[in-house]
Amino acid sequence: MFQELTNLNERTVMNIMAEPVGIGLAVACNQCNLGRAIYSSIFAIAHKSRGGSEAKLHQDLRKALRLYDQITPAAAEKVISRLRQRIGYRTAISELEVK
């Protein structure tokens, strides 16, 4: 479902979900106009799937939400556009400009 929503290929979506900081997820959620609550929920599910503890989840989620808040819609669109062009995940994310 997330793949369809973002119009990204499966490999890119898997990279987004596996990335522990949540930057790719923040970009994708921002670009799809998903709010902080939905981003937080998806981040928590991904975190738990990697075996993270509850205490670590709360710590990481606070950092992830600060990051989410720094991503502008224009910056998110630029990165997602690059990902749709099948530019490497790390390369596209490294081009992210935050507030």
Protein backbone atom coordinates (compact mmCIF):
# COMPACT_ATOMS: atom_id res chain seq x y z
CA MET A 1 0.00 0.00 0.00
CA PHE A 2 2.81 2.46 0.85
CA GLN A 3 4.43 1.58 -2.46
CA GLU A 4 1.26 2.50 -4.33
CA LEU A 5 0.80 5.69 -2.33
CA THR A 6 4.34 6.90 -3.03
CA ASN A 7 4.64 5.48 -6.54
CA LEU A 8 8.11 4.19 -5.65
CA ASN A 9 9.51 0.80 -6.55
CA GLU A 10 9.59 -2.01 -4.03
CA ARG A 11 13.33 -1.84 -3.44
CA THR A 12 13.16 1.86 -2.61
CA VAL A 13 10.25 1.33 -0.22
CA MET A 14 12.18 -1.46 1.51
CA ASN A 15 15.19 0.88 1.86
CA ILE A 16 12.93 3.54 3.35
CA MET A 17 11.45 1.12 5.89
CA ALA A 18 14.84 -0.36 6.84
CA GLU A 19 16.53 2.98 7.43
CA PRO A 20 16.64 3.47 11.22
CA VAL A 21 16.70 7.28 11.35
CA GLY A 22 13.47 7.62 9.39
CA ILE A 23 14.61 10.30 6.97
CA GLY A 24 13.36 8.56 3.83
CA LEU A 25 10.09 7.81 5.54
CA ALA A 26 9.78 11.45 6.60
CA VAL A 27 10.39 12.57 3.03
CA ALA A 28 7.85 10.11 1.59
CA CYS A 29 5.19 10.92 4.19
CA ASN A 30 5.71 14.63 3.70
CA GLN A 31 5.47 14.34 -0.08
CA CYS A 32 2.24 12.31 0.20
CA ASN A 33 0.75 14.83 2.65
CA LEU A 34 0.65 12.31 5.47
CA GLY A 35 0.76 14.09 8.79
CA ARG A 36 2.97 13.61 11.83
CA ALA A 37 0.60 11.08 13.40
CA ILE A 38 0.69 8.75 10.42
CA TYR A 39 4.44 9.22 10.04
CA SER A 40 4.85 8.38 13.74
CA SER A 41 2.75 5.22 13.40
CA ILE A 42 4.64 3.94 10.36
CA PHE A 43 7.97 4.83 12.00
CA ALA A 44 6.98 2.87 15.13
CA ILE A 45 5.94 -0.20 13.12
CA ALA A 46 9.19 -0.14 11.13
CA HIS A 47 11.21 0.36 14.33
CA LYS A 48 9.54 -2.58 16.05
CA SER A 49 10.08 -4.78 13.00
CA ARG A 50 13.82 -4.17 13.41
CA GLY A 51 13.63 -5.38 17.02
CA GLY A 52 13.96 -2.02 18.73
CA SER A 53 12.99 -1.65 22.39
CA GLU A 54 10.13 0.54 23.57
CA ALA A 55 12.51 2.94 25.33
CA LYS A 56 14.67 3.25 22.22
CA LEU A 57 11.55 3.79 20.11
CA HIS A 58 10.52 6.83 22.15
CA GLN A 59 14.01 8.30 21.96
CA ASP A 60 14.30 7.67 18.20
CA LEU A 61 10.77 8.91 17.52
CA ARG A 62 11.49 12.27 19.15
CA LYS A 63 14.52 12.69 16.88
CA ALA A 64 12.58 11.50 13.85
CA LEU A 65 9.76 13.99 14.45
CA ARG A 66 12.25 16.85 14.70
CA LEU A 67 13.64 15.73 11.36
CA TYR A 68 10.14 15.40 9.86
CA ASP A 69 9.37 18.99 10.88
CA GLN A 70 12.46 20.26 9.06
CA ILE A 71 11.49 18.84 5.67
CA THR A 72 9.68 21.25 3.38
CA PRO A 73 7.18 19.99 0.80
CA ALA A 74 9.43 21.27 -1.99
CA ALA A 75 12.45 19.41 -0.63
CA ALA A 76 10.40 16.23 -0.23
CA GLU A 77 9.10 16.49 -3.79
CA LYS A 78 12.64 16.92 -5.13
CA VAL A 79 13.92 13.81 -3.35
CA ILE A 80 10.91 11.67 -4.29
CA SER A 81 11.27 12.78 -7.90
CA ARG A 82 14.90 11.65 -7.84
CA LEU A 83 13.90 8.31 -6.29
CA ARG A 84 11.29 7.79 -9.01
CA GLN A 85 14.08 8.30 -11.55
CA ARG A 86 15.73 5.33 -9.86
CA ILE A 87 18.58 7.37 -8.51
CA GLY A 88 20.19 5.46 -5.64
CA TYR A 89 18.46 5.84 -2.28
CA ARG A 90 21.50 7.20 -0.45
CA THR A 91 22.29 9.60 -3.27
CA ALA A 92 18.76 11.00 -3.36
CA ILE A 93 18.58 11.34 0.43
CA SER A 94 21.98 13.06 0.52
CA GLU A 95 20.48 15.79 -1.71
CA LEU A 96 17.78 16.59 0.86
CA GLU A 97 17.67 20.22 1.89
CA VAL A 98 16.08 20.88 5.28
CA LYS A 99 14.97 24.11 6.99
